[in-house]
Amino acid sequence: MSKWSWSSTGNEVVAEYAEKIKGRVFLITGPSDGGIGAETALCLASQSPSTLILAGRNKAKIQPVIDKITQLSPDVKSIFVELDLSSQTSVRSAAAEINAQVEHIDVLINNAAIMACPFSQTEDNLEIQFGTNFIGPFLFTGLLLPKIRAAGPGARIVNVSSSAHRFEGIRFDDLDFGGGSGYDTWKAYGQSKTALILMAIQIANKIPRREVSAFSVHPGILDYEVTDRKSLQQGCSTSLIAALDPSLTGESLSMAVALCAFLTFFVGFRILGLVPW
């Protein structure tokens, strides 16, 4: 049984694995103030990483996080990079900017996502959720992979997925739901999250395990105002354990991870610890 539970917090995780953070470079997508990505960044900042790269669409939503990091840990270098995952042009530009600024990336956390939104298409003519939640991160990760591999043993890629992957598999012959005519917001979201899980498994299978570990995680249902839902501190612990826990080696590299997730809303039970999902 894992030492971690449903109630474990991000601060507890980073305190446990402080040596895996100090002096290292972390990249988090979608760390808007008040969200799970921001909480992840703040937890990491408390343990003296070298650099935190925060990539997102709107600097105004991320600047408060940078300000908090500076106040918490003045020696940590915080870098904002503009990134719109719905635009492959933006993804390429952001990756080029990051590649030019750092020699390596120890951990990439693909946190950014949109959820259950009305049908539309990206500028690249992709269904908006599939394009933003999967194609964008897939391209972004691929463009950064040389820098991730350059970090050496211990480098990790963490995809923040969701138990909503159960809503839909990959509609290989109809990714855009008939151009929107058969669109279902939650099935589209589920499809994008299924793709993220498969992406992590494929990376783990294709890249030698001694070089890069890849995981997908379900952070749990997050609502700090509702009893028995996970707080942001509890939710970000999932990504942080996948990013830092040295026990996640060997066969665990190719499994998707649901960690400490409270699934009462969906299936009526709690998962305690680390399990394949």
C-alpha atoms as a PDB file:
ATOM      1  CA  MET A   1       0.000   0.000   0.000  1.00  0.00           C
ATOM      2  CA  SER A   2       1.300   3.442  -0.874  1.00  0.00           C
ATOM      3  CA  LYS A   3       2.303   5.749   1.964  1.00  0.00           C
ATOM      4  CA  TRP A   4       0.085   8.407   0.380  1.00  0.00           C
ATOM      5  CA  SER A   5      -3.640   8.738   0.963  1.00  0.00           C
ATOM      6  CA  TRP A   6      -6.640  10.686  -0.300  1.00  0.00           C
ATOM      7  CA  SER A   7      -5.875  13.439   2.193  1.00  0.00           C
ATOM      8  CA  SER A   8      -2.182  13.818   1.332  1.00  0.00           C
ATOM      9  CA  THR A   9      -1.207  17.368   0.388  1.00  0.00           C
ATOM     10  CA  GLY A  10       1.200  18.840  -2.096  1.00  0.00           C
ATOM     11  CA  ASN A  11       3.228  20.413   0.689  1.00  0.00           C
ATOM     12  CA  GLU A  12       3.658  17.013   2.322  1.00  0.00           C
ATOM     13  CA  VAL A  13       4.843  15.504  -0.952  1.00  0.00           C
ATOM     14  CA  VAL A  14       7.441  18.169  -1.725  1.00  0.00           C
ATOM     15  CA  ALA A  15       8.747  18.043   1.843  1.00  0.00           C
ATOM     16  CA  GLU A  16       9.218  14.281   1.490  1.00  0.00           C
ATOM     17  CA  TYR A  17      11.028  14.564  -1.851  1.00  0.00           C
ATOM     18  CA  ALA A  18      12.831  17.876  -1.380  1.00  0.00           C
ATOM     19  CA  GLU A  19      16.075  16.420  -2.733  1.00  0.00           C
ATOM     20  CA  LYS A  20      14.295  15.660  -6.017  1.00  0.00           C
ATOM     21  CA  ILE A  21      13.379  19.337  -6.408  1.00  0.00           C
ATOM     22  CA  LYS A  22      16.367  21.378  -5.293  1.00  0.00           C
ATOM     23  CA  GLY A  23      18.275  22.867  -8.209  1.00  0.00           C
ATOM     24  CA  ARG A  24      16.081  21.272 -10.887  1.00  0.00           C
ATOM     25  CA  VAL A  25      14.072  22.706 -13.779  1.00  0.00           C
ATOM     26  CA  PHE A  26      10.282  22.221 -13.879  1.00  0.00           C
ATOM     27  CA  LEU A  27       7.834  23.209 -16.619  1.00  0.00           C
ATOM     28  CA  ILE A  28       4.104  23.445 -15.883  1.00  0.00           C
ATOM     29  CA  THR A  29       1.419  24.310 -18.419  1.00  0.00           C
ATOM     30  CA  GLY A  30      -1.764  26.120 -17.422  1.00  0.00           C
ATOM     31  CA  PRO A  31      -0.709  27.384 -13.965  1.00  0.00           C
ATOM     32  CA  SER A  32      -3.363  30.097 -13.677  1.00  0.00           C
ATOM     33  CA  ASP A  33      -3.809  31.630 -10.238  1.00  0.00           C
ATOM     34  CA  GLY A  34      -6.240  29.630  -8.111  1.00  0.00           C
ATOM     35  CA  GLY A  35      -5.871  26.419 -10.102  1.00  0.00           C
ATOM     36  CA  ILE A  36      -4.171  23.087  -9.568  1.00  0.00           C
ATOM     37  CA  GLY A  37      -1.239  24.058 -11.800  1.00  0.00           C
ATOM     38  CA  ALA A  38      -0.536  27.147  -9.713  1.00  0.00           C
ATOM     39  CA  GLU A  39      -0.734  25.118  -6.506  1.00  0.00           C
ATOM     40  CA  THR A  40       1.718  22.639  -8.008  1.00  0.00           C
ATOM     41  CA  ALA A  41       4.125  25.460  -8.860  1.00  0.00           C
ATOM     42  CA  LEU A  42       3.917  26.999  -5.388  1.00  0.00           C
ATOM     43  CA  CYS A  43       4.590  23.665  -3.712  1.00  0.00           C
ATOM     44  CA  LEU A  44       7.658  23.121  -5.875  1.00  0.00           C
ATOM     45  CA  ALA A  45       8.870  26.677  -5.258  1.00  0.00           C
ATOM     46  CA  SER A  46       9.003  26.018  -1.522  1.00  0.00           C
ATOM     47  CA  GLN A  47      11.816  23.485  -2.014  1.00  0.00           C
ATOM     48  CA  SER A  48      14.294  25.591  -4.004  1.00  0.00           C
ATOM     49  CA  PRO A  49      14.145  24.418  -7.608  1.00  0.00           C
ATOM     50  CA  SER A  50      16.484  26.191  -9.993  1.00  0.00           C
ATOM     51  CA  THR A  51      13.801  27.251 -12.460  1.00  0.00           C
ATOM     52  CA  LEU A  52      10.025  27.147 -12.794  1.00  0.00           C
ATOM     53  CA  ILE A  53       8.750  27.674 -16.329  1.00  0.00           C
ATOM     54  CA  LEU A  54       5.071  28.625 -16.316  1.00  0.00           C
ATOM     55  CA  ALA A  55       3.427  28.364 -19.722  1.00  0.00           C
ATOM     56  CA  GLY A  56      -0.075  29.629 -20.443  1.00  0.00           C
ATOM     57  CA  ARG A  57      -2.283  31.790 -22.605  1.00  0.00           C
ATOM     58  CA  ASN A  58      -2.768  34.770 -20.339  1.00  0.00           C
ATOM     59  CA  LYS A  59       0.124  36.337 -18.450  1.00  0.00           C
ATOM     60  CA  ALA A  60      -2.306  38.361 -16.322  1.00  0.00           C
ATOM     61  CA  LYS A  61      -3.634  35.105 -14.834  1.00  0.00           C
ATOM     62  CA  ILE A  62      -0.153  33.721 -14.198  1.00  0.00           C
ATOM     63  CA  GLN A  63       1.655  36.838 -12.981  1.00  0.00           C
ATOM     64  CA  PRO A  64       0.076  36.555  -9.491  1.00  0.00           C
ATOM     65  CA  VAL A  65       1.588  33.070  -9.253  1.00  0.00           C
ATOM     66  CA  ILE A  66       5.005  34.393 -10.266  1.00  0.00           C
ATOM     67  CA  ASP A  67       4.662  37.119  -7.638  1.00  0.00           C
ATOM     68  CA  LYS A  68       3.845  34.529  -4.962  1.00  0.00           C
ATOM     69  CA  ILE A  69       6.824  32.413  -6.013  1.00  0.00           C
ATOM     70  CA  THR A  70       9.118  35.434  -5.790  1.00  0.00           C
ATOM     71  CA  GLN A  71       7.809  36.246  -2.330  1.00  0.00           C
ATOM     72  CA  LEU A  72       8.079  32.638  -1.174  1.00  0.00           C
ATOM     73  CA  SER A  73      11.462  31.815  -2.727  1.00  0.00           C
ATOM     74  CA  PRO A  74      13.293  34.858  -4.148  1.00  0.00           C
ATOM     75  CA  ASP A  75      16.149  32.743  -5.517  1.00  0.00           C
ATOM     76  CA  VAL A  76      13.905  30.638  -7.754  1.00  0.00           C
ATOM     77  CA  LYS A  77      13.943  31.757 -11.376  1.00  0.00           C
ATOM     78  CA  SER A  78      10.376  32.046 -12.702  1.00  0.00           C
ATOM     79  CA  ILE A  79       9.850  32.259 -16.454  1.00  0.00           C
ATOM     80  CA  PHE A  80       6.527  32.990 -18.147  1.00  0.00           C
ATOM     81  CA  VAL A  81       6.065  31.651 -21.665  1.00  0.00           C
ATOM     82  CA  GLU A  82       2.983  32.431 -23.721  1.00  0.00           C
ATOM     83  CA  LEU A  83       1.360  29.185 -24.829  1.00  0.00           C
ATOM     84  CA  ASP A  84      -1.998  28.567 -26.492  1.00  0.00           C
ATOM     85  CA  LEU A  85      -2.338  24.809 -26.843  1.00  0.00           C
ATOM     86  CA  SER A  86      -5.207  25.194 -29.306  1.00  0.00           C
ATOM     87  CA  SER A  87      -2.773  26.754 -31.799  1.00  0.00           C
ATOM     88  CA  GLN A  88       0.039  24.680 -33.259  1.00  0.00           C
ATOM     89  CA  THR A  89       1.761  27.905 -34.279  1.00  0.00           C
ATOM     90  CA  SER A  90       1.722  29.061 -30.656  1.00  0.00           C
ATOM     91  CA  VAL A  91       2.919  25.658 -29.453  1.00  0.00           C
ATOM     92  CA  ARG A  92       5.884  25.746 -31.810  1.00  0.00           C
ATOM     93  CA  SER A  93       6.737  29.302 -30.809  1.00  0.00           C
ATOM     94  CA  ALA A  94       6.554  28.507 -27.084  1.00  0.00           C
ATOM     95  CA  ALA A  95       8.682  25.389 -27.459  1.00  0.00           C
ATOM     96  CA  ALA A  96      11.294  27.315 -29.432  1.00  0.00           C
ATOM     97  CA  GLU A  97      11.419  29.995 -26.729  1.00  0.00           C
ATOM     98  CA  ILE A  98      11.854  27.414 -23.983  1.00  0.00           C
ATOM     99  CA  ASN A  99      14.470  25.450 -25.908  1.00  0.00           C
ATOM    100  CA  ALA A 100      16.463  28.658 -26.307  1.00  0.00           C
ATOM    101  CA  GLN A 101      16.349  29.481 -22.587  1.00  0.00           C
ATOM    102  CA  VAL A 102      17.223  26.238 -20.811  1.00  0.00           C
ATOM    103  CA  GLU A 103      19.741  23.464 -21.296  1.00  0.00           C
ATOM    104  CA  HIS A 104      17.449  20.791 -19.959  1.00  0.00           C
ATOM    105  CA  ILE A 105      14.027  20.170 -18.392  1.00  0.00           C
ATOM    106  CA  ASP A 106      13.858  17.755 -15.485  1.00  0.00           C
ATOM    107  CA  VAL A 107      10.068  17.510 -15.257  1.00  0.00           C
ATOM    108  CA  LEU A 108       7.290  18.534 -17.649  1.00  0.00           C
ATOM    109  CA  ILE A 109       3.782  18.631 -16.179  1.00  0.00           C
ATOM    110  CA  ASN A 110       1.133  18.884 -18.902  1.00  0.00           C
ATOM    111  CA  ASN A 111      -1.548  20.399 -16.695  1.00  0.00           C
ATOM    112  CA  ALA A 112      -3.432  22.818 -18.976  1.00  0.00           C
ATOM    113  CA  ALA A 113      -6.836  21.803 -20.321  1.00  0.00           C
ATOM    114  CA  ILE A 114     -10.303  22.961 -21.244  1.00  0.00           C
ATOM    115  CA  MET A 115     -13.397  21.020 -20.202  1.00  0.00           C
ATOM    116  CA  ALA A 116     -16.818  20.232 -21.652  1.00  0.00           C
ATOM    117  CA  CYS A 117     -17.049  23.351 -23.797  1.00  0.00           C
ATOM    118  CA  PRO A 118     -19.400  23.939 -26.755  1.00  0.00           C
ATOM    119  CA  PHE A 119     -18.342  22.637 -30.147  1.00  0.00           C
ATOM    120  CA  SER A 120     -15.829  24.674 -32.076  1.00  0.00           C
ATOM    121  CA  GLN A 121     -12.658  24.029 -34.009  1.00  0.00           C
ATOM    122  CA  THR A 122      -9.105  25.198 -33.542  1.00  0.00           C
ATOM    123  CA  GLU A 123      -7.325  27.288 -36.164  1.00  0.00           C
ATOM    124  CA  ASP A 124      -5.883  23.952 -37.328  1.00  0.00           C
ATOM    125  CA  ASN A 125      -9.424  22.589 -37.926  1.00  0.00           C
ATOM    126  CA  LEU A 126      -9.441  20.199 -34.984  1.00  0.00           C
ATOM    127  CA  GLU A 127     -12.291  19.688 -32.512  1.00  0.00           C
ATOM    128  CA  ILE A 128     -11.445  22.185 -29.792  1.00  0.00           C
ATOM    129  CA  GLN A 129     -11.071  19.819 -26.819  1.00  0.00           C
ATOM    130  CA  PHE A 130      -9.077  17.195 -28.722  1.00  0.00           C
ATOM    131  CA  GLY A 131      -6.887  19.885 -30.251  1.00  0.00           C
ATOM    132  CA  THR A 132      -6.257  21.709 -26.975  1.00  0.00           C
ATOM    133  CA  ASN A 133      -6.104  18.849 -24.496  1.00  0.00           C
ATOM    134  CA  PHE A 134      -4.202  16.310 -26.586  1.00  0.00           C
ATOM    135  CA  ILE A 135      -2.769  17.474 -29.913  1.00  0.00           C
ATOM    136  CA  GLY A 136      -1.280  20.625 -28.378  1.00  0.00           C
ATOM    137  CA  PRO A 137       0.411  18.824 -25.450  1.00  0.00           C
ATOM    138  CA  PHE A 138       1.539  16.008 -27.765  1.00  0.00           C
ATOM    139  CA  LEU A 139       3.263  18.457 -30.105  1.00  0.00           C
ATOM    140  CA  PHE A 140       4.630  20.533 -27.221  1.00  0.00           C
ATOM    141  CA  THR A 141       6.106  17.474 -25.510  1.00  0.00           C
ATOM    142  CA  GLY A 142       7.652  16.217 -28.734  1.00  0.00           C
ATOM    143  CA  LEU A 143       9.334  19.535 -29.445  1.00  0.00           C
ATOM    144  CA  LEU A 144      10.749  19.641 -25.904  1.00  0.00           C
ATOM    145  CA  LEU A 145      11.751  15.987 -25.718  1.00  0.00           C
ATOM    146  CA  PRO A 146      15.455  16.555 -26.519  1.00  0.00           C
ATOM    147  CA  LYS A 147      15.688  18.942 -23.550  1.00  0.00           C
ATOM    148  CA  ILE A 148      13.828  16.485 -21.318  1.00  0.00           C
ATOM    149  CA  ARG A 149      16.159  13.656 -22.312  1.00  0.00           C
ATOM    150  CA  ALA A 150      19.120  15.978 -21.733  1.00  0.00           C
ATOM    151  CA  ALA A 151      18.204  16.083 -18.035  1.00  0.00           C
ATOM    152  CA  GLY A 152      19.435  12.525 -17.721  1.00  0.00           C
ATOM    153  CA  PRO A 153      18.078   9.729 -15.523  1.00  0.00           C
ATOM    154  CA  GLY A 154      15.107  10.838 -13.471  1.00  0.00           C
ATOM    155  CA  ALA A 155      13.507  13.084 -16.081  1.00  0.00           C
ATOM    156  CA  ARG A 156       9.718  12.787 -16.089  1.00  0.00           C
ATOM    157  CA  ILE A 157       6.653  13.717 -18.094  1.00  0.00           C
ATOM    158  CA  VAL A 158       3.350  13.944 -16.214  1.00  0.00           C
ATOM    159  CA  ASN A 159       0.055  14.263 -18.081  1.00  0.00           C
ATOM    160  CA  VAL A 160      -2.855  15.460 -15.956  1.00  0.00           C
ATOM    161  CA  SER A 161      -5.709  13.361 -17.290  1.00  0.00           C
ATOM    162  CA  SER A 162      -9.043  12.512 -15.670  1.00  0.00           C
ATOM    163  CA  SER A 163     -11.315   9.636 -14.751  1.00  0.00           C
ATOM    164  CA  ALA A 164     -13.517  11.147 -17.471  1.00  0.00           C
ATOM    165  CA  HIS A 165     -11.524   9.025 -19.910  1.00  0.00           C
ATOM    166  CA  ARG A 166     -14.213   6.444 -19.152  1.00  0.00           C
ATOM    167  CA  PHE A 167     -16.741   8.587 -21.012  1.00  0.00           C
ATOM    168  CA  GLU A 168     -15.232   7.931 -24.444  1.00  0.00           C
ATOM    169  CA  GLY A 169     -12.433   6.128 -26.236  1.00  0.00           C
ATOM    170  CA  ILE A 170     -10.691   7.486 -29.315  1.00  0.00           C
ATOM    171  CA  ARG A 171     -13.071   7.976 -32.234  1.00  0.00           C
ATOM    172  CA  PHE A 172     -10.399   7.324 -34.836  1.00  0.00           C
ATOM    173  CA  ASP A 173     -12.848   7.558 -37.740  1.00  0.00           C
ATOM    174  CA  ASP A 174     -14.733  10.576 -36.365  1.00  0.00           C
ATOM    175  CA  LEU A 175     -12.539  12.706 -34.117  1.00  0.00           C
ATOM    176  CA  ASP A 176     -14.689  15.804 -34.568  1.00  0.00           C
ATOM    177  CA  PHE A 177     -18.084  14.175 -33.951  1.00  0.00           C
ATOM    178  CA  GLY A 178     -19.344  14.593 -37.482  1.00  0.00           C
ATOM    179  CA  GLY A 179     -18.182  18.169 -37.695  1.00  0.00           C
ATOM    180  CA  GLY A 180     -20.205  18.922 -34.575  1.00  0.00           C
ATOM    181  CA  SER A 181     -23.485  17.353 -35.650  1.00  0.00           C
ATOM    182  CA  GLY A 182     -23.085  14.537 -33.124  1.00  0.00           C
ATOM    183  CA  TYR A 183     -21.127  16.509 -30.573  1.00  0.00           C
ATOM    184  CA  ASP A 184     -21.308  15.620 -26.892  1.00  0.00           C
ATOM    185  CA  THR A 185     -19.319  17.905 -24.588  1.00  0.00           C
ATOM    186  CA  TRP A 186     -18.392  15.229 -22.071  1.00  0.00           C
ATOM    187  CA  LYS A 187     -17.608  12.530 -24.622  1.00  0.00           C
ATOM    188  CA  ALA A 188     -15.321  14.982 -26.388  1.00  0.00           C
ATOM    189  CA  TYR A 189     -13.615  15.761 -23.097  1.00  0.00           C
ATOM    190  CA  GLY A 190     -13.315  12.053 -22.318  1.00  0.00           C
ATOM    191  CA  GLN A 191     -11.782  11.355 -25.716  1.00  0.00           C
ATOM    192  CA  SER A 192      -9.107  13.988 -25.136  1.00  0.00           C
ATOM    193  CA  LYS A 193      -8.248  12.566 -21.721  1.00  0.00           C
ATOM    194  CA  THR A 194      -8.098   9.006 -23.050  1.00  0.00           C
ATOM    195  CA  ALA A 195      -5.615  10.243 -25.630  1.00  0.00           C
ATOM    196  CA  LEU A 196      -3.428  11.773 -22.906  1.00  0.00           C
ATOM    197  CA  ILE A 197      -3.313   8.445 -21.078  1.00  0.00           C
ATOM    198  CA  LEU A 198      -2.336   6.585 -24.241  1.00  0.00           C
ATOM    199  CA  MET A 199       0.308   9.214 -24.950  1.00  0.00           C
ATOM    200  CA  ALA A 200       1.969   8.647 -21.565  1.00  0.00           C
ATOM    201  CA  ILE A 201       1.898   4.880 -22.012  1.00  0.00           C
ATOM    202  CA  GLN A 202       3.410   5.147 -25.486  1.00  0.00           C
ATOM    203  CA  ILE A 203       6.199   7.449 -24.297  1.00  0.00           C
ATOM    204  CA  ALA A 204       6.983   5.027 -21.480  1.00  0.00           C
ATOM    205  CA  ASN A 205       7.066   2.134 -23.936  1.00  0.00           C
ATOM    206  CA  LYS A 206       9.122   3.872 -26.628  1.00  0.00           C
ATOM    207  CA  ILE A 207      11.753   5.749 -24.617  1.00  0.00           C
ATOM    208  CA  PRO A 208      14.233   3.739 -22.527  1.00  0.00           C
ATOM    209  CA  ARG A 209      13.094   3.791 -18.914  1.00  0.00           C
ATOM    210  CA  ARG A 210      16.513   4.891 -17.716  1.00  0.00           C
ATOM    211  CA  GLU A 211      16.031   8.143 -19.661  1.00  0.00           C
ATOM    212  CA  VAL A 212      12.464   9.406 -19.208  1.00  0.00           C
ATOM    213  CA  SER A 213       9.500   8.232 -17.125  1.00  0.00           C
ATOM    214  CA  ALA A 214       5.985   9.107 -18.291  1.00  0.00           C
ATOM    215  CA  PHE A 215       2.736   9.037 -16.323  1.00  0.00           C
ATOM    216  CA  SER A 216      -0.862  10.136 -16.604  1.00  0.00           C
ATOM    217  CA  VAL A 217      -2.705  11.040 -13.420  1.00  0.00           C
ATOM    218  CA  HIS A 218      -6.219  11.681 -12.179  1.00  0.00           C
ATOM    219  CA  PRO A 219      -6.062  14.343  -9.461  1.00  0.00           C
ATOM    220  CA  GLY A 220      -9.514  13.632  -8.060  1.00  0.00           C
ATOM    221  CA  ILE A 221     -12.654  15.744  -8.012  1.00  0.00           C
ATOM    222  CA  LEU A 222     -11.554  19.162  -6.867  1.00  0.00           C
ATOM    223  CA  ASP A 223     -13.814  21.444  -4.878  1.00  0.00           C
ATOM    224  CA  TYR A 224     -12.484  22.868  -1.648  1.00  0.00           C
ATOM    225  CA  GLU A 225     -15.910  24.244  -0.724  1.00  0.00           C
ATOM    226  CA  VAL A 226     -17.710  20.893  -0.822  1.00  0.00           C
ATOM    227  CA  THR A 227     -17.315  18.220   1.857  1.00  0.00           C
ATOM    228  CA  ASP A 228     -15.401  15.130   0.703  1.00  0.00           C
ATOM    229  CA  ARG A 229     -14.080  16.757  -2.438  1.00  0.00           C
ATOM    230  CA  LYS A 230     -10.350  17.286  -2.733  1.00  0.00           C
ATOM    231  CA  SER A 231      -8.754  20.656  -2.051  1.00  0.00           C
ATOM    232  CA  LEU A 232      -6.195  22.139  -4.431  1.00  0.00           C
ATOM    233  CA  GLN A 233      -3.478  21.058  -2.003  1.00  0.00           C
ATOM    234  CA  GLN A 234      -4.777  17.504  -2.070  1.00  0.00           C
ATOM    235  CA  GLY A 235      -5.344  17.554  -5.819  1.00  0.00           C
ATOM    236  CA  CYS A 236      -1.862  18.738  -6.737  1.00  0.00           C
ATOM    237  CA  SER A 237      -0.318  15.975  -4.627  1.00  0.00           C
ATOM    238  CA  THR A 238      -1.172  13.544  -7.422  1.00  0.00           C
ATOM    239  CA  SER A 239       0.924  15.314 -10.053  1.00  0.00           C
ATOM    240  CA  LEU A 240       3.729  15.896  -7.570  1.00  0.00           C
ATOM    241  CA  ILE A 241       3.970  12.248  -6.570  1.00  0.00           C
ATOM    242  CA  ALA A 242       4.136  11.225 -10.228  1.00  0.00           C
ATOM    243  CA  ALA A 243       6.808  13.862 -10.803  1.00  0.00           C
ATOM    244  CA  LEU A 244       8.949  13.082  -7.767  1.00  0.00           C
ATOM    245  CA  ASP A 245       8.371   9.717  -6.089  1.00  0.00           C
ATOM    246  CA  PRO A 246      11.493   7.580  -6.720  1.00  0.00           C
ATOM    247  CA  SER A 247       9.544   4.376  -6.074  1.00  0.00           C
ATOM    248  CA  LEU A 248       7.688   4.839  -9.362  1.00  0.00           C
ATOM    249  CA  THR A 249      10.163   2.885 -11.445  1.00  0.00           C
ATOM    250  CA  GLY A 250      10.339  -0.276 -13.479  1.00  0.00           C
ATOM    251  CA  GLU A 251       6.970  -1.640 -14.503  1.00  0.00           C
ATOM    252  CA  SER A 252       5.140   1.341 -13.040  1.00  0.00           C
ATOM    253  CA  LEU A 253       6.488   3.549 -15.821  1.00  0.00           C
ATOM    254  CA  SER A 254       3.992   2.242 -18.348  1.00  0.00           C
ATOM    255  CA  MET A 255       0.877   2.449 -16.232  1.00  0.00           C
ATOM    256  CA  ALA A 256      -1.596   5.240 -15.931  1.00  0.00           C
ATOM    257  CA  VAL A 257      -1.985   6.355 -12.351  1.00  0.00           C
ATOM    258  CA  ALA A 258      -4.986   7.248 -10.252  1.00  0.00           C
ATOM    259  CA  LEU A 259      -3.618   8.409  -6.959  1.00  0.00           C
ATOM    260  CA  CYS A 260      -5.657   9.166  -3.861  1.00  0.00           C
ATOM    261  CA  ALA A 261      -8.607  10.055  -6.072  1.00  0.00           C
ATOM    262  CA  PHE A 262     -12.086  10.465  -4.620  1.00  0.00           C
ATOM    263  CA  LEU A 263     -14.499   9.056  -7.177  1.00  0.00           C
ATOM    264  CA  THR A 264     -17.802   9.084  -5.290  1.00  0.00           C
ATOM    265  CA  PHE A 265     -19.440  11.291  -7.916  1.00  0.00           C
ATOM    266  CA  PHE A 266     -18.677   8.779 -10.662  1.00  0.00           C
ATOM    267  CA  VAL A 267     -18.508   5.293  -9.195  1.00  0.00           C
ATOM    268  CA  GLY A 268     -19.159   5.482  -5.482  1.00  0.00           C
ATOM    269  CA  PHE A 269     -15.873   4.556  -3.847  1.00  0.00           C
ATOM    270  CA  ARG A 270     -12.498   5.913  -2.884  1.00  0.00           C
ATOM    271  CA  ILE A 271      -9.191   4.803  -4.292  1.00  0.00           C
ATOM    272  CA  LEU A 272      -6.522   4.941  -1.621  1.00  0.00           C
ATOM    273  CA  GLY A 273      -2.934   4.784  -2.755  1.00  0.00           C
ATOM    274  CA  LEU A 274      -1.459   4.042  -6.161  1.00  0.00           C
ATOM    275  CA  VAL A 275      -3.304   1.886  -8.666  1.00  0.00           C
ATOM    276  CA  PRO A 276      -3.484   1.375 -12.439  1.00  0.00           C
ATOM    277  CA  TRP A 277      -6.659   2.821 -13.950  1.00  0.00           C
END
